[in-house]
N, C-alpha and C. Protein backbone atom coordinates (compact mmCIF):
# COMPACT_ATOMS: atom_id res chain seq x y z
N UNK A 1 65.98 163.36 70.84
CA UNK A 1 66.22 161.95 71.15
C UNK A 1 64.88 161.21 71.16
N UNK A 2 64.96 159.97 70.79
CA UNK A 2 63.78 159.12 70.85
C UNK A 2 64.02 158.02 71.88
N UNK A 3 62.94 157.48 72.36
CA UNK A 3 63.03 156.39 73.33
C UNK A 3 62.37 155.16 72.77
N UNK A 4 62.86 154.02 73.17
CA UNK A 4 62.17 152.77 72.89
C UNK A 4 62.22 151.95 74.16
N UNK A 5 61.28 151.06 74.28
CA UNK A 5 61.22 150.20 75.46
C UNK A 5 61.59 148.79 75.03
N UNK A 6 62.54 148.22 75.73
CA UNK A 6 62.98 146.87 75.41
C UNK A 6 62.57 145.89 76.49
N UNK A 7 62.32 144.69 76.07
CA UNK A 7 62.02 143.60 77.00
C UNK A 7 62.91 142.42 76.61
N UNK A 8 63.58 141.88 77.59
CA UNK A 8 64.27 140.61 77.41
C UNK A 8 63.64 139.65 78.39
N UNK A 9 63.12 138.57 77.89
CA UNK A 9 62.48 137.57 78.74
C UNK A 9 63.18 136.23 78.53
N UNK A 10 63.40 135.55 79.61
CA UNK A 10 63.93 134.18 79.55
C UNK A 10 62.76 133.26 79.91
N UNK A 11 62.47 132.33 79.02
CA UNK A 11 61.41 131.35 79.26
C UNK A 11 62.07 129.99 79.34
N UNK A 12 61.88 129.32 80.46
CA UNK A 12 62.51 128.02 80.68
C UNK A 12 61.44 126.95 80.84
N UNK A 13 61.50 125.98 79.96
CA UNK A 13 60.62 124.80 80.01
C UNK A 13 61.43 123.61 80.51
N UNK A 14 60.77 122.59 81.04
CA UNK A 14 61.50 121.35 81.30
C UNK A 14 62.13 120.86 79.98
N UNK A 15 63.30 120.28 80.05
CA UNK A 15 64.00 119.81 78.84
C UNK A 15 63.09 118.95 77.96
N UNK A 16 62.27 118.13 78.59
CA UNK A 16 61.40 117.23 77.84
C UNK A 16 60.30 117.97 77.07
N UNK A 17 60.08 119.25 77.37
CA UNK A 17 59.04 120.05 76.70
C UNK A 17 59.62 121.04 75.70
N UNK A 18 60.93 120.93 75.41
CA UNK A 18 61.59 121.87 74.51
C UNK A 18 60.87 122.00 73.16
N UNK A 19 60.59 120.88 72.52
CA UNK A 19 59.97 120.91 71.19
C UNK A 19 58.57 121.53 71.24
N UNK A 20 57.84 121.28 72.31
CA UNK A 20 56.51 121.88 72.46
C UNK A 20 56.62 123.39 72.68
N UNK A 21 57.62 123.81 73.44
CA UNK A 21 57.85 125.23 73.65
C UNK A 21 58.23 125.91 72.35
N UNK A 22 59.09 125.30 71.57
CA UNK A 22 59.49 125.83 70.28
C UNK A 22 58.27 125.97 69.36
N UNK A 23 57.43 124.96 69.32
CA UNK A 23 56.23 124.99 68.48
C UNK A 23 55.29 126.11 68.93
N UNK A 24 55.17 126.32 70.23
CA UNK A 24 54.32 127.39 70.76
C UNK A 24 54.78 128.73 70.21
N UNK A 25 56.08 129.01 70.30
CA UNK A 25 56.59 130.29 69.82
C UNK A 25 56.44 130.42 68.31
N UNK A 26 56.73 129.36 67.58
CA UNK A 26 56.60 129.41 66.12
C UNK A 26 55.16 129.70 65.71
N UNK A 27 54.21 129.15 66.42
CA UNK A 27 52.80 129.33 66.13
C UNK A 27 52.36 130.78 66.37
N UNK A 28 52.90 131.41 67.41
CA UNK A 28 52.43 132.74 67.81
C UNK A 28 53.26 133.90 67.27
N UNK A 29 54.46 133.65 66.76
CA UNK A 29 55.33 134.76 66.34
C UNK A 29 54.71 135.72 65.33
N UNK A 30 54.05 135.26 64.28
CA UNK A 30 53.48 136.23 63.33
C UNK A 30 52.52 137.22 64.00
N UNK A 31 51.68 136.74 64.88
CA UNK A 31 50.74 137.61 65.58
C UNK A 31 51.48 138.56 66.52
N UNK A 32 52.49 138.07 67.22
CA UNK A 32 53.23 138.90 68.16
C UNK A 32 53.95 140.04 67.44
N UNK A 33 54.51 139.74 66.29
CA UNK A 33 55.24 140.76 65.53
C UNK A 33 54.31 141.79 64.89
N UNK A 34 53.03 141.47 64.77
CA UNK A 34 52.08 142.36 64.09
C UNK A 34 51.49 143.43 65.02
N UNK A 35 51.77 143.37 66.30
CA UNK A 35 51.21 144.36 67.22
C UNK A 35 51.65 145.77 66.86
N UNK A 36 50.73 146.72 66.98
CA UNK A 36 51.04 148.12 66.76
C UNK A 36 52.13 148.56 67.73
N UNK A 37 53.17 149.16 67.22
CA UNK A 37 54.27 149.65 68.05
C UNK A 37 55.40 148.66 68.25
N UNK A 38 55.24 147.43 67.76
CA UNK A 38 56.31 146.44 67.88
C UNK A 38 57.35 146.71 66.81
N UNK A 39 58.56 146.98 67.25
CA UNK A 39 59.66 147.21 66.32
C UNK A 39 60.49 145.94 66.11
N UNK A 40 60.48 145.08 67.12
CA UNK A 40 61.28 143.85 67.03
C UNK A 40 60.71 142.83 68.00
N UNK A 41 60.62 141.58 67.55
CA UNK A 41 60.19 140.48 68.41
C UNK A 41 60.93 139.23 67.93
N UNK A 42 61.94 138.82 68.67
CA UNK A 42 62.80 137.71 68.27
C UNK A 42 62.82 136.67 69.39
N UNK A 43 62.66 135.42 69.01
CA UNK A 43 62.76 134.31 69.96
C UNK A 43 63.92 133.43 69.51
N UNK A 44 64.80 133.12 70.44
CA UNK A 44 65.90 132.20 70.14
C UNK A 44 65.98 131.15 71.24
N UNK A 45 66.58 130.01 70.93
CA UNK A 45 66.71 128.99 71.97
C UNK A 45 68.19 128.72 72.22
N UNK A 46 68.47 128.38 73.44
CA UNK A 46 69.83 128.11 73.88
C UNK A 46 70.30 126.79 73.26
N UNK A 47 71.42 126.83 72.56
CA UNK A 47 71.90 125.60 71.90
C UNK A 47 72.56 124.64 72.87
N UNK A 48 72.82 125.09 74.09
CA UNK A 48 73.46 124.22 75.09
C UNK A 48 72.52 123.79 76.21
N UNK A 49 71.35 124.38 76.26
CA UNK A 49 70.41 124.05 77.33
C UNK A 49 69.01 123.90 76.73
N UNK A 50 68.60 122.67 76.50
CA UNK A 50 67.26 122.44 75.94
C UNK A 50 66.20 122.99 76.86
N UNK A 51 65.22 123.65 76.26
CA UNK A 51 64.10 124.19 77.02
C UNK A 51 64.27 125.64 77.43
N UNK A 52 65.42 126.24 77.13
CA UNK A 52 65.66 127.63 77.51
C UNK A 52 65.56 128.52 76.27
N UNK A 53 64.65 129.48 76.32
CA UNK A 53 64.41 130.40 75.21
C UNK A 53 64.61 131.83 75.69
N UNK A 54 65.13 132.66 74.81
CA UNK A 54 65.29 134.09 75.09
C UNK A 54 64.44 134.87 74.11
N UNK A 55 63.67 135.80 74.64
CA UNK A 55 62.82 136.66 73.81
C UNK A 55 63.36 138.08 73.92
N UNK A 56 63.55 138.71 72.77
CA UNK A 56 63.95 140.12 72.72
C UNK A 56 62.84 140.88 72.02
N UNK A 57 62.30 141.88 72.71
CA UNK A 57 61.25 142.71 72.14
C UNK A 57 61.69 144.17 72.19
N UNK A 58 61.25 144.95 71.21
CA UNK A 58 61.47 146.39 71.25
C UNK A 58 60.17 147.06 70.83
N UNK A 59 59.76 148.06 71.63
CA UNK A 59 58.50 148.76 71.44
C UNK A 59 58.74 150.25 71.34
N UNK A 60 57.91 150.93 70.56
CA UNK A 60 58.10 152.37 70.38
C UNK A 60 57.79 153.17 71.64
N UNK A 61 56.99 152.59 72.55
CA UNK A 61 56.66 153.30 73.79
C UNK A 61 56.18 152.32 74.85
N UNK A 62 56.18 152.79 76.08
CA UNK A 62 55.63 151.98 77.17
C UNK A 62 54.14 151.74 76.97
N UNK A 63 53.46 152.71 76.41
CA UNK A 63 52.02 152.56 76.16
C UNK A 63 51.77 151.39 75.22
N UNK A 64 52.53 151.30 74.14
CA UNK A 64 52.37 150.18 73.20
C UNK A 64 52.66 148.84 73.89
N UNK A 65 53.70 148.81 74.70
CA UNK A 65 54.02 147.59 75.43
C UNK A 65 52.90 147.21 76.39
N UNK A 66 52.37 148.19 77.11
CA UNK A 66 51.28 147.92 78.06
C UNK A 66 50.05 147.35 77.36
N UNK A 67 49.68 147.91 76.20
CA UNK A 67 48.54 147.39 75.44
C UNK A 67 48.80 145.94 75.05
N UNK A 68 50.01 145.66 74.59
CA UNK A 68 50.40 144.30 74.21
C UNK A 68 50.27 143.34 75.39
N UNK A 69 50.79 143.74 76.55
CA UNK A 69 50.80 142.86 77.72
C UNK A 69 49.40 142.59 78.28
N UNK A 70 48.45 143.50 78.04
CA UNK A 70 47.09 143.35 78.56
C UNK A 70 46.16 142.63 77.58
N UNK A 71 46.64 142.38 76.37
CA UNK A 71 45.82 141.75 75.35
C UNK A 71 45.50 140.30 75.73
N UNK A 72 44.28 139.88 75.42
CA UNK A 72 43.85 138.52 75.76
C UNK A 72 44.74 137.46 75.11
N UNK A 73 45.23 137.73 73.90
CA UNK A 73 46.10 136.75 73.22
C UNK A 73 47.36 136.50 74.03
N UNK A 74 47.89 137.53 74.68
CA UNK A 74 49.11 137.37 75.47
C UNK A 74 48.82 136.56 76.72
N UNK A 75 47.71 136.83 77.36
CA UNK A 75 47.38 136.04 78.56
C UNK A 75 47.17 134.57 78.19
N UNK A 76 46.67 134.32 76.99
CA UNK A 76 46.52 132.94 76.51
C UNK A 76 47.89 132.29 76.31
N UNK A 77 48.84 133.03 75.73
CA UNK A 77 50.19 132.49 75.55
C UNK A 77 50.83 132.21 76.90
N UNK A 78 50.67 133.13 77.86
CA UNK A 78 51.21 132.89 79.20
C UNK A 78 50.63 131.62 79.80
N UNK A 79 49.33 131.38 79.60
CA UNK A 79 48.68 130.18 80.11
C UNK A 79 49.24 128.93 79.43
N UNK A 80 49.52 129.01 78.13
CA UNK A 80 50.10 127.88 77.41
C UNK A 80 51.51 127.57 77.92
N UNK A 81 52.28 128.63 78.17
CA UNK A 81 53.63 128.45 78.73
C UNK A 81 53.52 127.75 80.09
N UNK A 82 52.62 128.22 80.92
CA UNK A 82 52.41 127.65 82.24
C UNK A 82 51.99 126.17 82.15
N UNK A 83 51.10 125.86 81.21
CA UNK A 83 50.63 124.48 81.05
C UNK A 83 51.76 123.53 80.65
N UNK A 84 52.79 124.06 80.00
CA UNK A 84 53.95 123.23 79.63
C UNK A 84 55.01 123.20 80.73
N UNK A 85 54.71 123.82 81.86
CA UNK A 85 55.67 123.85 82.96
C UNK A 85 56.72 124.93 82.82
N UNK A 86 56.44 125.93 81.97
CA UNK A 86 57.40 126.99 81.72
C UNK A 86 57.43 128.05 82.80
N UNK A 87 58.59 128.67 82.95
CA UNK A 87 58.81 129.78 83.89
C UNK A 87 59.29 130.98 83.08
N UNK A 88 58.76 132.18 83.38
CA UNK A 88 59.14 133.39 82.66
C UNK A 88 59.85 134.35 83.60
N UNK A 89 61.00 134.86 83.14
CA UNK A 89 61.73 135.91 83.86
C UNK A 89 61.86 137.08 82.90
N UNK A 90 61.36 138.26 83.30
CA UNK A 90 61.41 139.46 82.46
C UNK A 90 62.41 140.46 82.99
N UNK A 91 63.05 141.14 82.05
CA UNK A 91 63.91 142.27 82.36
C UNK A 91 63.45 143.40 81.45
N UNK A 92 62.94 144.50 82.03
CA UNK A 92 62.47 145.62 81.24
C UNK A 92 63.54 146.70 81.21
N UNK A 93 63.77 147.27 80.04
CA UNK A 93 64.77 148.33 79.90
C UNK A 93 64.19 149.46 79.06
N UNK A 94 64.75 150.62 79.19
CA UNK A 94 64.37 151.72 78.32
C UNK A 94 65.64 152.25 77.68
N UNK A 95 65.64 152.26 76.36
CA UNK A 95 66.80 152.69 75.61
C UNK A 95 66.52 154.07 75.02
N UNK A 96 67.47 154.95 75.13
CA UNK A 96 67.35 156.27 74.53
C UNK A 96 68.34 156.35 73.39
N UNK A 97 67.85 156.70 72.20
CA UNK A 97 68.71 156.78 71.04
C UNK A 97 68.59 158.16 70.40
N UNK A 98 69.65 158.58 69.77
CA UNK A 98 69.60 159.84 69.03
C UNK A 98 68.70 159.65 67.82
N UNK A 99 67.89 160.68 67.53
CA UNK A 99 67.00 160.57 66.37
C UNK A 99 67.69 160.98 65.10
C-alpha cells in the first residue's frame, strides 16, 4: 500500500476582495504545482459565496508537505492572504491507497 497526504484548505476573503483573492491564486498556482512531491494542487471558488475558495492538495509524503509549508514562498502567500483580510482553515488527512 502507498500513502499520500491530503490537505483541504478553505480560504475566506471579504466579498469585496474576491477578485483580488482569485488573482493571488492564479498568480501563484504554477509555482505551487511545481513543488517536488506535489501530486495535485487545485483551487476552486464557491459559486454561491463570493470570497470563499477551496484548495485541494495531495502530496506523496508528509515530508514533502512539510518542506512546502516551510518554504519562504508559502509564508509570502500566507502574508498576502492576510493582507487581503483572508482567513485560512486547514484540514489535514492521510489517504492510504492500494499500489
